[in-house]
Protein backbone atom coordinates (compact mmCIF):
# COMPACT_ATOMS: atom_id res chain seq x y z
CA MET A 1 53.81 66.22 71.33
CA ALA A 2 53.85 62.89 69.72
CA VAL A 3 55.78 64.21 66.64
CA LEU A 4 58.20 65.83 69.16
CA LEU A 5 58.87 62.56 71.17
CA ARG A 6 59.29 60.60 67.97
CA ARG A 7 62.12 63.21 66.82
CA LEU A 8 63.70 63.28 70.22
CA LEU A 9 63.95 59.55 70.48
CA GLN A 10 65.67 59.21 67.02
CA PRO A 11 69.22 58.44 67.43
CA GLY A 12 72.03 60.78 66.16
CA ARG A 13 73.54 64.15 66.90
CA PRO A 14 71.53 67.21 68.12
CA PRO A 15 70.38 69.62 65.48
CA ALA A 16 73.15 71.99 64.52
CA ALA A 17 70.83 75.03 65.39
CA TRP A 18 71.29 74.10 68.96
CA GLY A 19 74.60 75.99 69.17
CA ARG A 20 77.86 76.88 67.57
CA PRO A 21 80.21 73.73 66.90
CA LEU A 22 83.38 73.66 69.07
CA ASP A 23 86.70 74.22 67.06
CA GLN A 24 89.82 72.01 67.64
CA ARG A 25 91.20 73.98 70.69
CA GLU A 26 87.80 73.99 72.32
CA ALA A 27 87.34 70.24 71.57
CA GLY A 28 90.25 69.68 74.38
CA LEU A 29 87.26 70.37 76.86
CA GLY A 30 86.10 66.88 76.18
CA THR A 31 83.62 67.24 73.16
CA ASP A 32 84.29 66.29 69.54
CA ALA A 33 84.97 69.20 67.31
CA GLY A 34 81.71 70.01 65.28
CA ALA A 35 79.48 69.24 68.29
CA ALA A 36 77.44 72.18 69.79
CA VAL A 37 77.93 73.31 73.41
CA ARG A 38 74.75 72.81 75.37
CA VAL A 39 74.64 73.06 79.07
CA ARG A 40 71.84 72.96 81.70
CA PHE A 41 71.03 74.22 84.90
CA ALA A 42 68.57 71.82 86.46
CA PRO A 43 67.35 72.85 90.03
CA SER A 44 64.48 71.37 91.80
CA PRO A 45 61.73 74.03 92.60
CA THR A 46 61.63 72.74 96.16
CA GLY A 47 62.81 76.10 97.26
CA PHE A 48 63.93 79.54 96.06
CA LEU A 49 67.07 80.31 94.13
CA HIS A 50 69.89 80.62 96.46
CA LEU A 51 73.71 81.60 96.10
CA GLY A 52 74.82 77.85 95.69
CA GLY A 53 72.35 77.65 92.89
CA LEU A 54 73.23 81.09 91.27
CA ARG A 55 76.98 79.95 91.22
CA THR A 56 76.16 76.68 89.42
CA ALA A 57 73.88 78.57 87.12
CA LEU A 58 76.49 81.29 86.36
CA TYR A 59 79.37 78.84 85.48
CA ASN A 60 76.97 77.10 83.18
CA TYR A 61 76.04 80.35 81.65
CA ILE A 62 79.49 81.76 81.14
CA PHE A 63 80.81 78.50 79.84
CA ALA A 64 78.06 78.35 77.10
CA LYS A 65 78.51 81.99 76.19
CA LYS A 66 82.31 81.62 76.06
CA HIS A 67 81.66 78.91 73.54
CA GLY A 68 78.90 80.31 71.48
CA GLY A 69 76.58 77.72 73.01
CA SER A 70 73.14 77.44 74.54
CA PHE A 71 72.18 77.60 78.36
CA ILE A 72 69.14 75.61 79.26
CA LEU A 73 67.02 75.82 82.29
CA ARG A 74 65.26 72.64 83.09
CA LEU A 75 63.13 72.18 86.40
CA GLU A 76 63.27 68.88 87.99
CA ASP A 77 59.82 68.89 89.66
CA THR A 78 59.48 65.11 89.96
CA ASP A 79 59.55 65.08 93.76
CA GLN A 80 55.84 66.46 93.73
CA ALA A 81 55.54 66.26 97.56
CA ARG A 82 58.32 68.69 98.18
CA LEU A 83 57.32 71.31 95.63
CA VAL A 84 57.20 74.97 97.11
CA PRO A 85 54.71 77.19 95.46
CA GLY A 86 56.15 79.97 93.38
CA ALA A 87 59.68 78.33 93.58
CA ALA A 88 59.59 77.67 89.67
CA GLU A 89 58.72 81.23 88.91
CA ASN A 90 61.20 82.62 91.34
CA ILE A 91 64.15 80.63 89.85
CA GLU A 92 63.46 81.87 86.34
CA ASP A 93 62.73 85.53 87.71
CA MET A 94 66.07 85.48 89.68
CA LEU A 95 68.26 84.36 86.71
CA ALA A 96 66.70 87.08 84.61
CA TRP A 97 67.38 89.63 87.51
CA ALA A 98 71.09 88.36 87.76
CA GLY A 99 71.51 88.83 83.95
CA ILE A 100 71.97 85.39 83.11
CA PRO A 101 68.67 84.32 81.51
CA PRO A 102 68.34 80.86 79.90
CA ASP A 103 68.16 80.58 76.23
CA GLU A 104 65.67 77.69 76.63
CA SER A 105 63.35 77.29 79.61
CA PRO A 106 59.89 76.58 80.73
CA ARG A 107 58.76 80.03 80.34
CA ARG A 108 60.73 80.79 77.13
CA GLY A 109 60.29 77.24 75.38
CA GLY A 110 62.69 75.95 73.04
CA PRO A 111 63.47 72.94 70.63
CA ALA A 112 63.99 70.41 73.26
CA GLY A 113 60.89 71.03 75.57
CA PRO A 114 59.01 70.63 77.55
CA TYR A 115 61.42 71.79 80.26
CA LEU A 116 59.36 70.53 83.20
CA GLN A 117 60.36 66.99 83.97
CA SER A 118 56.75 66.25 85.25
CA GLN A 119 55.91 66.94 81.53
CA ARG A 120 58.20 64.38 80.16
CA LEU A 121 56.95 61.16 81.82
CA GLU A 122 56.47 59.41 78.46
CA LEU A 123 60.28 59.66 77.67
CA TYR A 124 61.11 58.20 81.07
CA ALA A 125 58.72 55.34 80.69
CA GLN A 126 60.07 54.59 77.19
CA ALA A 127 63.57 54.60 78.51
CA THR A 128 62.58 52.26 81.62
CA ALA A 129 60.79 49.91 79.00
CA ALA A 130 64.08 49.82 77.10
CA LEU A 131 66.07 48.86 80.21
CA LEU A 132 63.57 46.10 81.19
CA ARG A 133 63.70 44.60 77.70
CA THR A 134 67.54 44.16 77.83
CA GLY A 135 67.43 43.04 81.58
CA ALA A 136 69.33 46.08 82.70
CA ALA A 137 66.62 46.78 84.97
CA TYR A 138 63.81 44.71 86.94
CA ARG A 139 60.53 45.23 88.79
CA CYS A 140 60.86 45.72 92.66
CA PHE A 141 57.79 44.48 94.68
CA CYS A 142 59.28 45.28 98.11
CA SER A 143 56.97 47.25 100.26
CA PRO A 144 57.75 50.60 101.96
CA GLN A 145 57.50 48.63 105.29
CA ARG A 146 60.32 46.15 104.24
CA LEU A 147 62.47 48.75 102.91
CA GLU A 148 62.23 50.80 106.25
CA LEU A 149 63.24 47.69 108.11
CA LEU A 150 66.26 47.28 106.11
CA LYS A 151 67.07 50.79 106.60
CA LYS A 152 66.63 50.58 110.55
CA GLU A 153 68.51 47.27 110.63
CA ALA A 154 71.54 48.84 108.84
CA LEU A 155 71.59 51.69 111.04
CA ARG A 156 71.43 49.66 114.17
CA SER A 157 74.34 47.73 112.79
CA ARG A 158 76.09 50.98 112.22
CA GLN A 159 76.21 50.11 108.50
CA THR A 160 75.14 52.28 105.47
CA PRO A 161 71.67 51.62 104.54
CA ARG A 162 71.37 49.78 101.17
CA TYR A 163 68.76 47.83 99.27
CA ASP A 164 69.55 43.86 99.40
CA ASN A 165 68.56 43.51 95.78
CA ARG A 166 65.99 40.88 96.73
CA CYS A 167 63.93 41.28 93.50
CA ARG A 168 66.85 41.18 91.22
CA ASN A 169 66.67 37.41 90.54
CA LEU A 170 62.95 36.90 90.33
CA SER A 171 61.96 34.40 87.78
CA GLN A 172 59.54 35.48 84.89
CA ARG A 173 56.80 33.47 86.60
CA GLN A 174 57.35 35.08 89.94
CA VAL A 175 57.26 38.45 88.35
CA ALA A 176 53.94 37.75 86.53
CA GLU A 177 52.40 36.60 89.72
CA LYS A 178 53.29 39.56 91.63
CA LEU A 179 52.13 41.84 88.77
CA ALA A 180 48.69 40.48 89.08
CA SER A 181 48.40 42.02 92.61
CA ASP A 182 50.89 44.99 92.20
CA PRO A 183 50.58 46.28 88.61
CA THR A 184 52.75 49.34 88.94
CA PRO A 185 55.82 48.32 91.02
CA ALA A 186 58.95 50.48 91.20
CA VAL A 187 61.71 49.73 88.68
CA ARG A 188 65.27 49.33 89.76
CA PHE A 189 68.41 49.47 87.73
CA ARG A 190 70.92 46.57 87.81
CA LEU A 191 74.15 47.87 88.83
CA GLU A 192 77.33 46.27 87.33
CA LYS A 193 80.21 45.15 89.59
CA GLU A 194 82.72 47.12 87.44
CA ALA A 195 81.68 50.76 87.38
CA PRO A 196 83.52 52.47 84.54
CA ALA A 197 86.17 55.03 85.45
CA PHE A 198 85.85 58.45 83.73
CA GLN A 199 87.67 61.76 83.51
CA ASP A 200 86.05 64.69 85.14
CA LEU A 201 87.15 67.85 83.84
CA VAL A 202 87.76 69.15 87.35
CA TYR A 203 88.62 66.31 89.29
CA GLY A 204 90.48 64.24 86.74
CA TRP A 205 90.20 60.33 86.52
CA THR A 206 87.65 58.99 88.92
CA ARG A 207 86.12 55.64 89.83
CA HIS A 208 83.50 54.85 92.25
CA GLU A 209 82.63 51.20 92.66
CA VAL A 210 78.83 51.88 93.29
CA ALA A 211 77.83 48.22 93.41
CA SER A 212 79.96 47.39 96.27
CA VAL A 213 78.62 50.05 98.74
CA GLU A 214 75.07 50.55 97.20
CA GLY A 215 72.05 48.43 96.40
CA ASP A 216 70.37 48.63 92.95
CA PRO A 217 68.82 52.18 92.69
CA VAL A 218 65.16 52.88 91.89
CA VAL A 219 64.92 54.46 88.45
CA LEU A 220 61.28 54.60 88.00
CA LYS A 221 58.86 54.99 91.17
CA SER A 222 55.58 53.20 91.43
CA ASP A 223 53.63 56.39 90.65
CA GLY A 224 55.34 56.62 87.29
CA PHE A 225 57.81 59.46 88.06
CA PRO A 226 61.40 58.81 87.74
CA THR A 227 64.23 59.35 90.02
CA TYR A 228 66.84 61.99 89.59
CA HIS A 229 69.28 59.24 88.27
CA LEU A 230 67.08 58.17 85.27
CA ALA A 231 65.61 61.63 84.66
CA CYS A 232 68.89 63.40 84.40
CA VAL A 233 70.24 60.92 81.96
CA VAL A 234 67.26 60.78 79.70
CA ASP A 235 66.86 64.56 79.74
CA ASP A 236 70.54 65.32 79.24
CA HIS A 237 70.44 63.04 76.15
CA HIS A 238 67.28 64.09 74.46
CA MET A 239 68.16 67.74 75.00
CA GLY A 240 71.58 67.35 73.51
CA VAL A 241 73.48 68.42 76.53
CA SER A 242 77.17 68.40 75.74
CA HIS A 243 78.72 69.25 79.12
CA VAL A 244 77.24 68.63 82.57
CA LEU A 245 78.60 71.36 85.11
CA ARG A 246 77.05 70.43 88.60
CA GLY A 247 77.99 70.39 92.17
CA SER A 248 80.58 67.94 93.36
CA GLU A 249 78.03 66.36 95.72
CA TRP A 250 76.94 64.43 92.45
CA LEU A 251 80.52 63.07 91.78
CA ALA A 252 79.96 59.91 93.43
CA SER A 253 76.52 59.27 91.50
CA THR A 254 78.24 59.91 87.91
CA PRO A 255 79.16 56.21 87.72
CA LYS A 256 75.67 55.21 88.01
CA HIS A 257 74.60 57.64 85.33
CA LEU A 258 77.45 56.44 82.99
CA LEU A 259 76.15 53.04 83.45
CA LEU A 260 72.60 54.18 82.55
CA TYR A 261 74.09 55.72 79.52
CA GLN A 262 75.78 52.39 78.48
CA ALA A 263 72.91 50.26 79.12
CA LEU A 264 70.51 52.63 76.96
CA GLY A 265 73.23 52.86 74.32
CA TRP A 266 73.73 56.52 74.34
CA PRO A 267 77.01 58.44 74.37
CA PRO A 268 77.43 60.46 77.51
CA PRO A 269 78.35 64.16 77.88
CA ARG A 270 81.33 65.12 79.60
CA PHE A 271 81.25 66.00 83.20
CA ALA A 272 82.68 68.87 85.29
CA HIS A 273 81.88 68.84 88.94
CA LEU A 274 82.34 72.14 90.72
CA PRO A 275 83.65 72.42 94.20
CA LEU A 276 81.08 73.42 96.84
CA LEU A 277 80.34 77.04 97.80
CA LEU A 278 80.85 77.27 101.56
CA ASN A 279 80.42 79.90 104.21
CA ARG A 280 83.63 81.78 105.25
CA ASP A 281 83.94 79.48 108.29
CA GLY A 282 83.86 76.36 106.01
CA SER A 283 80.22 75.42 106.89
CA LYS A 284 77.64 74.46 104.27
CA LEU A 285 75.34 77.08 102.97
CA SER A 286 71.91 76.33 104.30
CA LYS A 287 68.54 77.26 102.97
CA ARG A 288 67.88 78.10 106.70
CA GLN A 289 70.03 81.06 106.23
CA GLY A 290 67.57 83.54 105.07
CA ASP A 291 70.17 85.85 103.65
CA ILE A 292 71.45 83.35 101.10
CA PHE A 293 68.33 83.66 98.72
CA LEU A 294 68.60 85.89 95.59
CA GLU A 295 65.56 87.72 96.28
CA HIS A 296 66.93 88.93 99.63
CA PHE A 297 69.85 90.67 97.85
CA ALA A 298 67.65 92.01 95.14
CA ALA A 299 65.20 93.65 97.89
CA ALA A 300 68.13 94.79 99.68
CA GLY A 301 69.46 96.77 96.64
CA PHE A 302 72.52 94.91 95.76
CA LEU A 303 73.56 94.99 92.15
CA PRO A 304 73.67 91.65 90.12
CA ASP A 305 76.95 92.18 88.81
CA ALA A 306 78.36 92.58 92.34
CA LEU A 307 76.92 89.30 93.40
CA LEU A 308 78.18 87.54 90.29
CA ASP A 309 81.68 89.17 90.85
CA LEU A 310 81.83 88.06 94.55
CA VAL A 311 80.83 84.40 94.00
CA THR A 312 83.32 83.89 91.16
CA ASN A 313 86.07 86.07 93.14
CA CYS A 314 85.82 83.61 95.85
CA GLY A 315 86.33 80.41 93.68
CA SER A 316 88.39 79.53 90.77
CA GLY A 317 88.25 79.31 87.01
CA PHE A 318 90.08 82.37 86.17
CA ALA A 319 93.80 83.41 85.68
CA GLU A 320 93.60 85.71 88.79
CA ASN A 321 90.90 86.90 91.15
CA GLN A 322 90.13 90.68 90.88
CA MET A 323 87.18 92.75 92.04
CA GLY A 324 85.02 94.80 89.71
CA ARG A 325 84.66 92.29 86.85
CA THR A 326 81.38 92.52 84.78
CA LEU A 327 79.59 89.66 83.31
CA ALA A 328 81.13 90.29 80.03
CA GLU A 329 84.56 90.18 81.49
CA LEU A 330 83.74 86.89 83.35
CA ILE A 331 82.73 85.31 80.07
CA ALA A 332 85.89 86.54 78.28
CA GLN A 333 88.27 85.31 81.18
CA PHE A 334 86.56 82.08 82.18
CA ASP A 335 88.74 78.99 81.70
CA LEU A 336 87.06 75.65 82.71
CA THR A 337 90.61 74.11 83.08
CA ARG A 338 91.48 76.49 85.78
CA ILE A 339 88.66 75.35 88.24
CA THR A 340 90.28 73.51 91.05
CA CYS A 341 88.94 70.92 93.60
CA HIS A 342 89.09 73.49 96.52
CA SER A 343 85.88 74.55 97.93
CA ALA A 344 85.10 78.17 97.60
CA LEU A 345 84.59 80.13 100.63
CA LEU A 346 82.10 82.93 100.50
CA ASP A 347 82.61 85.94 102.55
CA LEU A 348 79.33 87.95 102.39
CA GLU A 349 80.93 90.87 104.56
CA LYS A 350 82.65 91.74 101.42
CA LEU A 351 79.55 92.14 99.39
CA PRO A 352 79.11 95.95 100.18
CA ASP A 353 82.72 96.67 98.89
CA PHE A 354 81.93 94.86 95.79
CA ASN A 355 78.62 96.62 95.33
CA ARG A 356 80.20 100.04 95.75
CA LEU A 357 82.82 99.28 93.22
CA HIS A 358 79.88 98.33 90.72
CA LEU A 359 77.73 101.08 91.63
CA ARG A 360 80.57 103.59 90.75
CA ARG A 361 80.89 101.97 87.41
CA LEU A 362 77.15 102.49 86.72
CA VAL A 363 77.37 106.14 87.92
CA SER A 364 80.23 106.64 85.47
CA SER A 365 78.11 105.76 82.55
CA GLU A 366 75.59 108.59 81.48
CA THR A 367 72.99 106.07 80.32
CA GLN A 368 73.03 103.98 83.54
CA ARG A 369 73.23 107.12 85.67
CA ARG A 370 69.95 108.17 84.10
CA GLN A 371 68.39 104.80 85.30
CA LEU A 372 69.97 105.25 88.81
CA VAL A 373 68.29 108.69 88.91
CA GLY A 374 64.94 107.21 88.10
CA LYS A 375 65.25 104.28 90.69
CA LEU A 376 66.32 106.87 93.48
CA ARG A 377 63.31 109.14 92.66
CA ALA A 378 61.22 106.28 93.20
CA LEU A 379 62.95 105.37 96.45
CA VAL A 380 62.54 108.78 97.68
CA GLU A 381 58.93 108.78 97.04
CA GLU A 382 58.38 105.46 98.60
CA THR A 383 60.35 106.15 101.70
CA PHE A 384 59.35 109.84 102.45
CA GLY A 385 55.97 110.25 100.71
CA SER A 386 54.09 113.21 102.12
CA GLN A 387 57.28 114.06 104.24
CA VAL A 388 58.75 115.52 101.01
CA GLN A 389 57.98 119.35 101.46
CA SER A 390 59.38 120.37 98.10
CA THR A 391 59.09 118.68 94.72
CA ALA A 392 62.58 120.17 93.79
CA VAL A 393 64.19 117.24 95.57
CA LEU A 394 62.47 115.04 92.83
CA ASP A 395 64.15 116.98 89.99
CA PRO A 396 66.32 114.82 88.04
CA ALA A 397 69.23 117.25 88.13
CA TYR A 398 69.17 117.38 91.85
CA VAL A 399 68.83 113.70 92.23
CA GLU A 400 71.73 113.27 89.83
CA ARG A 401 73.78 115.66 91.62
CA VAL A 402 73.33 113.88 95.10
CA ILE A 403 74.33 110.48 93.29
CA LEU A 404 77.50 112.17 91.81
CA LEU A 405 78.44 113.81 95.15
CA ARG A 406 78.01 110.62 97.08
CA GLN A 407 79.45 107.97 94.82
CA GLY A 408 82.19 106.03 96.58
CA HIS A 409 80.72 106.92 99.88
CA ILE A 410 77.62 104.66 99.65
CA CYS A 411 77.41 100.95 98.91
CA ARG A 412 73.91 100.75 97.68
CA LEU A 413 71.37 103.27 96.15
CA GLN A 414 69.21 102.52 99.10
CA ASP A 415 71.67 104.21 101.42
CA LEU A 416 70.59 107.61 100.27
CA VAL A 417 67.15 107.15 101.68
CA SER A 418 68.56 105.94 105.18
CA PRO A 419 68.02 108.40 108.04
CA ALA A 420 71.70 109.58 107.62
CA TYR A 421 70.56 111.21 104.39
CA SER A 422 67.18 112.13 105.10
CA TYR A 423 68.17 115.68 105.10
CA LEU A 424 68.57 115.43 101.39
CA TRP A 425 64.83 115.01 100.87
CA THR A 426 63.02 116.41 103.85
CA ARG A 427 63.66 119.79 105.88
CA PRO A 428 64.91 119.05 109.38
CA ALA A 429 63.14 120.55 112.44
CA VAL A 430 66.07 122.60 114.18
CA GLY A 431 65.42 125.32 116.70
CA ARG A 432 67.57 128.40 117.21
CA ALA A 433 68.33 127.37 120.81
CA GLN A 434 69.97 124.10 119.39
CA LEU A 435 72.41 126.39 117.61
CA GLY A 436 73.00 128.76 120.56
CA ALA A 437 73.86 125.82 122.55
CA ILE A 438 76.90 125.02 120.11
CA SER A 439 77.90 128.85 119.77
CA GLU A 440 76.85 132.20 121.20
CA LYS A 441 77.82 133.68 117.66
CA ALA A 442 75.09 131.48 115.94
CA ASP A 443 73.37 134.60 114.62
CA VAL A 444 76.63 136.15 113.20
CA ILE A 445 77.85 132.73 111.70
CA ALA A 446 74.53 132.19 110.01
CA LYS A 447 74.40 135.77 108.52
CA ARG A 448 77.96 135.40 107.17
CA VAL A 449 76.93 132.17 105.32
CA LEU A 450 73.93 133.92 103.98
CA GLY A 451 76.24 136.59 102.59
CA LEU A 452 78.23 133.87 100.92
CA LEU A 453 75.27 132.75 99.06
CA GLU A 454 74.52 136.35 97.64
CA GLY A 455 77.22 135.77 94.90
CA PRO A 456 76.80 134.09 91.51
CA VAL A 457 75.45 130.52 91.67
CA MET A 458 78.19 129.33 89.39
CA SER A 459 80.89 130.08 92.01
CA LEU A 460 79.09 127.72 94.55
CA THR A 461 81.64 124.81 94.46
CA GLN A 462 83.21 122.69 97.21
CA ASP A 463 86.56 124.13 96.85
CA MET A 464 85.26 127.71 97.00
CA LEU A 465 83.08 126.86 99.92
CA ASN A 466 85.76 125.13 101.86
CA ALA A 467 88.00 128.20 101.48
CA GLU A 468 85.21 130.70 102.51
CA LEU A 469 84.01 128.49 105.40
CA LYS A 470 87.39 128.55 106.93
CA LYS A 471 87.18 132.44 107.00
CA LEU A 472 83.85 132.42 109.02
CA SER A 473 85.29 132.04 112.25
CA GLU A 474 87.93 134.93 111.78
CA GLY A 475 87.22 137.70 114.27
CA LEU A 476 84.72 135.84 116.30
CA GLU A 477 86.61 135.54 119.67
CA GLY A 478 86.34 132.09 121.23
CA THR A 479 84.78 130.58 118.22
CA LYS A 480 86.70 127.43 116.82
CA HIS A 481 86.31 126.40 113.11
CA SER A 482 85.05 123.06 114.34
CA HIS A 483 82.37 124.71 116.20
CA VAL A 484 81.33 126.60 112.96
CA MET A 485 81.02 123.35 111.01
CA LYS A 486 79.12 121.69 113.74
CA LEU A 487 76.70 124.42 113.79
CA LEU A 488 76.07 124.58 110.14
CA ARG A 489 75.85 120.84 109.78
CA LEU A 490 73.14 120.96 112.43
CA ALA A 491 71.31 123.82 110.74
CA LEU A 492 71.34 122.16 107.41
CA SER A 493 70.80 118.48 108.38
CA GLY A 494 69.46 118.24 111.97
CA GLN A 495 72.51 115.91 112.58
CA LEU A 496 75.82 116.22 114.24
CA GLN A 497 77.38 113.94 111.94
CA GLY A 498 77.57 113.63 108.00
CA PRO A 499 79.27 114.65 104.94
CA PRO A 500 81.36 117.65 104.78
CA VAL A 501 79.35 121.00 105.13
CA ALA A 502 80.55 122.25 101.85
CA GLU A 503 79.30 119.07 100.14
CA MET A 504 75.99 119.43 101.97
CA MET A 505 75.63 123.06 100.59
CA VAL A 506 76.51 122.01 97.01
CA SER A 507 73.99 119.12 97.26
CA LEU A 508 71.07 121.19 98.48
CA GLY A 509 71.93 124.07 96.43
CA PRO A 510 71.98 127.83 97.41
CA LYS A 511 68.42 128.48 97.42
CA GLU A 512 67.67 125.52 99.70
CA VAL A 513 70.57 126.42 102.11
CA ARG A 514 69.43 129.91 102.47
CA GLU A 515 65.81 128.91 103.40
CA ARG A 516 66.95 126.25 105.96
CA ILE A 517 69.22 128.94 107.51
CA GLU A 518 66.60 131.54 107.61
CA LYS A 519 64.10 129.05 108.92
CA VAL A 520 66.23 128.48 111.96
CA LEU A 521 66.94 132.07 112.58
CA CYS A 522 63.33 132.74 112.66
CA SER A 523 62.40 129.89 114.92
């Protein structure tokens, strides 16, 4: 560990092994030609991964892959009181599920680890010591009670709460005296009156005079843990991060970070602040919305590519918005210079349509279709269990036939085990009297259908069946074709609505159709 720390603290460029250097065209994105592209997604494990976090991670991932760089997952777990058990594991699990796994992470390791901020405290302590030596930071001995009074007084006066910089000008003797009774005070960074302007790759030239509206911020708390402002600067520097792609809520904090880079003598990365991802009505996504967490979508059977397609389709960064893009296509088409400042409005009601499109794409691939067959078989066993009366419905050829016939009609694979499709896996309980209530000619119709099934199996196609089924009502006085279809649908599925009868018959196969009709006739 000590060897790694010494190496990380050495000045100079990150190792070339950290990513492919940018060429001259790519250097227009704000990094020197020859520098490796390294980006990071740095969430706090204070909750499970949600759609807003996924979008930030995705833009970092596709930018890195577009330029042959590295995508880093760093967990900012310095707020120990708010950590949620299992959140760190969930974040990495869900990135893997989404198909955008990090190149370096707490789980995978990497050349710039550790990737948990709670394991990097020595680095923050060293950076803080450097700031104290140069006078860019100072120790703050104000009690929590005093800080709370300042906040209440500001709110009472309808002003923005801010620290009054009381400890900024303490003499060395005063500091020494206070250290004798309070050896581990917080450390604050001394804000300059002139904050540097910077060119954000999305918002353009930006300046925010932080010193005029904020007090000096805490960079190291009394417990030895850093605040976000110091930790992200120290980590981005030592991890060789070239571009910081993060939410626009951090745009106003960037001048503070640039001042920290300046005080520490480090070159800053380039910044690209992503506009917010909002609900369709313009309201903010909230963790209180249970349906914004990725594990919800995974459990509900939505495909990762459909989710990635949706969250990019509602935003910017591409020449045009189109449905059906795969991750590889997102990487190929992504253009950071096309990201606009407008918030992205997420319409989750469109997700089923996106999922249907991506499911059809998987069905069209023989390899992917085989995987879908395995997943659907597992769903059938899990959903129906002992209700499955024939193992024939678990035969891969049968399951594949069902998927091929229903593609385009279903949004998720789970739809095929919903009550509407239970007839595919279990035999319905239908009595002869129920058919008789539809038509007095139920027996005649049933026997005519059985006659159709006596021919060669190869001839059992939807087109053939549609033509033959239209003839069933011929010669049956008072019997409409619609009544015949209603009767057969009930006999085969136990339902009055559903797919076309011809498709039902092809799905079930001639043997199963025959057995179901004979069973009704004998009931």
